[in-house]
Amino acid sequence: MRRRPTSDAIRDHLQQLYDSNGKLLTPKTVLHDARRAHSPLHHLFEWDDTRAAELYRTDQARELIRSVRVEVRVRRETLSVPAWVHTPRTGSGYVSIAKVRSRSAEARLTLMAELATIRGALARARSLASALGFEQEIETLLSEVADLASRAGRVAA
């Protein structure tokens, strides 16, 4: 069994692909390279077509579930929200938003999990924002999300 390439080796190889493809890196370029058995990327892909098809269809099912929205009335406003959501208790499954709304503790935990995802995305964006001169805007967003998570956590406790 081959060892997984290091992140440096992966980055260096992707850089080579980028450089040799007119300073553009596309998924198609990466996949074409990875098909070669001696590519350092080869073992990072699922080459069993039956298994790959099942994984792909599972991703399609996730996208389908996430695409369905329902209208929810909150005070005087009607919101379009996901019909099904992950909760910390469901693992890879989804629960109806109506069920989550009817259980305040689960609703708060679900919100906290969603905010953790947002914090992760904003943390990832922080370095990009810094490089592009938008660091303060990201820091403000991170602070606001952290404050909301803290308030939701205090109410849930």
C-alpha atoms as a PDB file:
ATOM      1  CA  MET A   1       0.000   0.000   0.000  1.00  0.00           C
ATOM      2  CA  ARG A   2       1.382   3.386  -0.993  1.00  0.00           C
ATOM      3  CA  ARG A   3       1.649   6.121   1.572  1.00  0.00           C
ATOM      4  CA  ARG A   4      -0.384   9.248   1.138  1.00  0.00           C
ATOM      5  CA  PRO A   5       1.702  12.089  -0.283  1.00  0.00           C
ATOM      6  CA  THR A   6       2.416  14.941   2.111  1.00  0.00           C
ATOM      7  CA  SER A   7       0.498  18.179   1.746  1.00  0.00           C
ATOM      8  CA  ASP A   8       3.736  19.773   0.498  1.00  0.00           C
ATOM      9  CA  ALA A   9       4.102  17.105  -2.191  1.00  0.00           C
ATOM     10  CA  ILE A  10       0.479  17.554  -3.227  1.00  0.00           C
ATOM     11  CA  ARG A  11       0.858  21.333  -3.331  1.00  0.00           C
ATOM     12  CA  ASP A  12       4.085  21.069  -5.360  1.00  0.00           C
ATOM     13  CA  HIS A  13       2.507  18.670  -7.838  1.00  0.00           C
ATOM     14  CA  LEU A  14      -0.574  20.868  -8.232  1.00  0.00           C
ATOM     15  CA  GLN A  15       1.753  23.824  -8.783  1.00  0.00           C
ATOM     16  CA  GLN A  16       3.468  21.893 -11.582  1.00  0.00           C
ATOM     17  CA  LEU A  17       0.087  21.173 -13.168  1.00  0.00           C
ATOM     18  CA  TYR A  18      -0.864  24.835 -12.827  1.00  0.00           C
ATOM     19  CA  ASP A  19       2.387  25.990 -14.410  1.00  0.00           C
ATOM     20  CA  SER A  20       2.159  23.513 -17.282  1.00  0.00           C
ATOM     21  CA  ASN A  21      -1.503  24.316 -17.996  1.00  0.00           C
ATOM     22  CA  GLY A  22      -1.168  28.013 -18.801  1.00  0.00           C
ATOM     23  CA  LYS A  23      -1.412  29.173 -15.164  1.00  0.00           C
ATOM     24  CA  LEU A  24      -4.831  27.603 -14.712  1.00  0.00           C
ATOM     25  CA  LEU A  25      -5.673  24.636 -12.495  1.00  0.00           C
ATOM     26  CA  THR A  26      -8.910  22.801 -13.253  1.00  0.00           C
ATOM     27  CA  PRO A  27     -10.477  19.686 -11.741  1.00  0.00           C
ATOM     28  CA  LYS A  28     -10.332  18.091 -15.190  1.00  0.00           C
ATOM     29  CA  THR A  29      -6.550  18.687 -15.363  1.00  0.00           C
ATOM     30  CA  VAL A  30      -6.047  17.200 -11.905  1.00  0.00           C
ATOM     31  CA  LEU A  31      -8.200  14.168 -12.697  1.00  0.00           C
ATOM     32  CA  HIS A  32      -6.419  13.590 -16.011  1.00  0.00           C
ATOM     33  CA  ASP A  33      -3.083  13.603 -14.192  1.00  0.00           C
ATOM     34  CA  ALA A  34      -4.352  11.415 -11.349  1.00  0.00           C
ATOM     35  CA  ARG A  35      -5.466   8.713 -13.769  1.00  0.00           C
ATOM     36  CA  ARG A  36      -1.804   7.915 -14.391  1.00  0.00           C
ATOM     37  CA  ALA A  37      -0.790   5.198 -11.915  1.00  0.00           C
ATOM     38  CA  HIS A  38       2.558   6.877 -11.197  1.00  0.00           C
ATOM     39  CA  SER A  39       1.001  10.269 -10.395  1.00  0.00           C
ATOM     40  CA  PRO A  40       1.384  11.248  -6.724  1.00  0.00           C
ATOM     41  CA  LEU A  41      -2.334  12.063  -6.836  1.00  0.00           C
ATOM     42  CA  HIS A  42      -3.444   8.654  -8.146  1.00  0.00           C
ATOM     43  CA  HIS A  43      -4.026   7.025  -4.759  1.00  0.00           C
ATOM     44  CA  LEU A  44      -6.071   9.971  -3.521  1.00  0.00           C
ATOM     45  CA  PHE A  45      -8.941   9.029  -5.831  1.00  0.00           C
ATOM     46  CA  GLU A  46     -11.456   6.192  -5.797  1.00  0.00           C
ATOM     47  CA  TRP A  47     -10.836   4.166  -8.954  1.00  0.00           C
ATOM     48  CA  ASP A  48     -13.387   1.425  -8.333  1.00  0.00           C
ATOM     49  CA  ASP A  49     -16.143   2.695 -10.632  1.00  0.00           C
ATOM     50  CA  THR A  50     -18.910   0.967  -8.696  1.00  0.00           C
ATOM     51  CA  ARG A  51     -17.803   2.517  -5.404  1.00  0.00           C
ATOM     52  CA  ALA A  52     -17.135   5.898  -7.042  1.00  0.00           C
ATOM     53  CA  ALA A  53     -20.614   5.873  -8.575  1.00  0.00           C
ATOM     54  CA  GLU A  54     -22.184   5.129  -5.187  1.00  0.00           C
ATOM     55  CA  LEU A  55     -20.199   7.939  -3.542  1.00  0.00           C
ATOM     56  CA  TYR A  56     -21.203  10.325  -6.311  1.00  0.00           C
ATOM     57  CA  ARG A  57     -24.870   9.375  -6.034  1.00  0.00           C
ATOM     58  CA  THR A  58     -24.688   9.850  -2.260  1.00  0.00           C
ATOM     59  CA  ASP A  59     -23.367  13.366  -2.867  1.00  0.00           C
ATOM     60  CA  GLN A  60     -26.194  13.943  -5.344  1.00  0.00           C
ATOM     61  CA  ALA A  61     -28.680  12.816  -2.685  1.00  0.00           C
ATOM     62  CA  ARG A  62     -27.153  15.268  -0.189  1.00  0.00           C
ATOM     63  CA  GLU A  63     -27.468  18.078  -2.729  1.00  0.00           C
ATOM     64  CA  LEU A  64     -31.075  17.095  -3.413  1.00  0.00           C
ATOM     65  CA  ILE A  65     -31.947  17.100   0.303  1.00  0.00           C
ATOM     66  CA  ARG A  66     -30.229  20.472   0.817  1.00  0.00           C
ATOM     67  CA  SER A  67     -31.962  21.995  -2.210  1.00  0.00           C
ATOM     68  CA  VAL A  68     -35.498  21.665  -0.830  1.00  0.00           C
ATOM     69  CA  ARG A  69     -36.747  24.710   1.021  1.00  0.00           C
ATOM     70  CA  VAL A  70     -39.917  25.481   2.935  1.00  0.00           C
ATOM     71  CA  GLU A  71     -41.471  28.725   4.057  1.00  0.00           C
ATOM     72  CA  VAL A  72     -41.528  29.396   7.778  1.00  0.00           C
ATOM     73  CA  ARG A  73     -43.398  32.263   9.383  1.00  0.00           C
ATOM     74  CA  VAL A  74     -41.398  34.048  12.082  1.00  0.00           C
ATOM     75  CA  ARG A  75     -43.237  36.938  13.701  1.00  0.00           C
ATOM     76  CA  ARG A  76     -44.410  38.988  10.689  1.00  0.00           C
ATOM     77  CA  GLU A  77     -41.851  37.665   8.231  1.00  0.00           C
ATOM     78  CA  THR A  78     -41.929  34.616   5.985  1.00  0.00           C
ATOM     79  CA  LEU A  79     -38.520  32.997   5.520  1.00  0.00           C
ATOM     80  CA  SER A  80     -37.375  30.405   3.012  1.00  0.00           C
ATOM     81  CA  VAL A  81     -35.350  27.843   4.980  1.00  0.00           C
ATOM     82  CA  PRO A  82     -33.941  24.360   4.339  1.00  0.00           C
ATOM     83  CA  ALA A  83     -36.656  21.724   4.782  1.00  0.00           C
ATOM     84  CA  TRP A  84     -34.186  19.328   6.433  1.00  0.00           C
ATOM     85  CA  VAL A  85     -31.094  20.096   8.500  1.00  0.00           C
ATOM     86  CA  HIS A  86     -28.271  18.287  10.220  1.00  0.00           C
ATOM     87  CA  THR A  87     -28.399  18.303  13.972  1.00  0.00           C
ATOM     88  CA  PRO A  88     -25.540  17.302  16.250  1.00  0.00           C
ATOM     89  CA  ARG A  89     -27.549  14.179  17.136  1.00  0.00           C
ATOM     90  CA  THR A  90     -28.243  12.888  13.623  1.00  0.00           C
ATOM     91  CA  GLY A  91     -24.717  12.274  12.336  1.00  0.00           C
ATOM     92  CA  SER A  92     -24.982  12.086   8.561  1.00  0.00           C
ATOM     93  CA  GLY A  93     -28.789  12.183   8.566  1.00  0.00           C
ATOM     94  CA  TYR A  94     -31.229  15.069   8.329  1.00  0.00           C
ATOM     95  CA  VAL A  95     -34.214  16.073  10.445  1.00  0.00           C
ATOM     96  CA  SER A  96     -37.151  18.238   9.357  1.00  0.00           C
ATOM     97  CA  ILE A  97     -36.862  21.891  10.309  1.00  0.00           C
ATOM     98  CA  ALA A  98     -40.353  21.648  11.836  1.00  0.00           C
ATOM     99  CA  LYS A  99     -39.148  18.983  14.259  1.00  0.00           C
ATOM    100  CA  VAL A 100     -36.037  20.989  15.175  1.00  0.00           C
ATOM    101  CA  ARG A 101     -38.097  24.150  15.717  1.00  0.00           C
ATOM    102  CA  SER A 102     -40.378  22.310  18.134  1.00  0.00           C
ATOM    103  CA  ARG A 103     -37.456  21.380  20.405  1.00  0.00           C
ATOM    104  CA  SER A 104     -35.685  24.472  21.733  1.00  0.00           C
ATOM    105  CA  ALA A 105     -32.574  22.694  23.009  1.00  0.00           C
ATOM    106  CA  GLU A 106     -32.104  20.861  19.706  1.00  0.00           C
ATOM    107  CA  ALA A 107     -32.752  24.102  17.799  1.00  0.00           C
ATOM    108  CA  ARG A 108     -29.989  25.860  19.721  1.00  0.00           C
ATOM    109  CA  LEU A 109     -27.554  22.974  19.242  1.00  0.00           C
ATOM    110  CA  THR A 110     -28.357  22.934  15.523  1.00  0.00           C
ATOM    111  CA  LEU A 111     -27.741  26.679  15.298  1.00  0.00           C
ATOM    112  CA  MET A 112     -24.456  26.313  17.190  1.00  0.00           C
ATOM    113  CA  ALA A 113     -23.312  23.575  14.783  1.00  0.00           C
ATOM    114  CA  GLU A 114     -24.220  25.760  11.797  1.00  0.00           C
ATOM    115  CA  LEU A 115     -22.328  28.688  13.326  1.00  0.00           C
ATOM    116  CA  ALA A 116     -19.284  26.439  13.856  1.00  0.00           C
ATOM    117  CA  THR A 117     -19.368  25.675  10.125  1.00  0.00           C
ATOM    118  CA  ILE A 118     -19.572  29.388   9.374  1.00  0.00           C
ATOM    119  CA  ARG A 119     -16.670  30.140  11.724  1.00  0.00           C
ATOM    120  CA  GLY A 120     -14.596  27.505   9.935  1.00  0.00           C
ATOM    121  CA  ALA A 121     -15.381  29.018   6.540  1.00  0.00           C
ATOM    122  CA  LEU A 122     -14.585  32.520   7.799  1.00  0.00           C
ATOM    123  CA  ALA A 123     -11.338  31.338   9.370  1.00  0.00           C
ATOM    124  CA  ARG A 124     -10.374  29.861   5.997  1.00  0.00           C
ATOM    125  CA  ALA A 125     -11.321  33.127   4.299  1.00  0.00           C
ATOM    126  CA  ARG A 126      -9.275  35.174   6.787  1.00  0.00           C
ATOM    127  CA  SER A 127      -5.925  34.445   5.149  1.00  0.00           C
ATOM    128  CA  LEU A 128      -7.338  35.117   1.698  1.00  0.00           C
ATOM    129  CA  ALA A 129      -8.939  38.342   2.921  1.00  0.00           C
ATOM    130  CA  SER A 130      -5.637  39.435   4.448  1.00  0.00           C
ATOM    131  CA  ALA A 131      -3.822  38.841   1.180  1.00  0.00           C
ATOM    132  CA  LEU A 132      -6.469  40.858  -0.690  1.00  0.00           C
ATOM    133  CA  GLY A 133      -6.816  43.707   1.817  1.00  0.00           C
ATOM    134  CA  PHE A 134     -10.163  42.824   3.409  1.00  0.00           C
ATOM    135  CA  GLU A 135      -8.939  41.546   6.767  1.00  0.00           C
ATOM    136  CA  GLN A 136     -10.987  43.933   8.923  1.00  0.00           C
ATOM    137  CA  GLU A 137     -14.261  42.935   7.275  1.00  0.00           C
ATOM    138  CA  ILE A 138     -13.583  39.243   7.968  1.00  0.00           C
ATOM    139  CA  GLU A 139     -12.527  39.946  11.556  1.00  0.00           C
ATOM    140  CA  THR A 140     -15.806  41.807  12.108  1.00  0.00           C
ATOM    141  CA  LEU A 141     -17.806  38.881  10.711  1.00  0.00           C
ATOM    142  CA  LEU A 142     -15.868  36.364  12.811  1.00  0.00           C
ATOM    143  CA  SER A 143     -16.508  38.414  15.926  1.00  0.00           C
ATOM    144  CA  GLU A 144     -20.237  38.680  15.198  1.00  0.00           C
ATOM    145  CA  VAL A 145     -20.555  34.922  14.567  1.00  0.00           C
ATOM    146  CA  ALA A 146     -18.598  34.139  17.757  1.00  0.00           C
ATOM    147  CA  ASP A 147     -20.862  36.464  19.757  1.00  0.00           C
ATOM    148  CA  LEU A 148     -23.991  34.819  18.359  1.00  0.00           C
ATOM    149  CA  ALA A 149     -22.618  31.333  19.097  1.00  0.00           C
ATOM    150  CA  SER A 150     -21.794  32.399  22.627  1.00  0.00           C
ATOM    151  CA  ARG A 151     -25.309  33.754  23.199  1.00  0.00           C
ATOM    152  CA  ALA A 152     -26.874  30.591  21.733  1.00  0.00           C
ATOM    153  CA  GLY A 153     -24.611  28.456  23.937  1.00  0.00           C
ATOM    154  CA  ARG A 154     -25.566  30.338  27.095  1.00  0.00           C
ATOM    155  CA  VAL A 155     -29.268  29.934  26.326  1.00  0.00           C
ATOM    156  CA  ALA A 156     -28.798  26.196  25.582  1.00  0.00           C
ATOM    157  CA  ALA A 157     -26.922  25.550  28.848  1.00  0.00           C
END
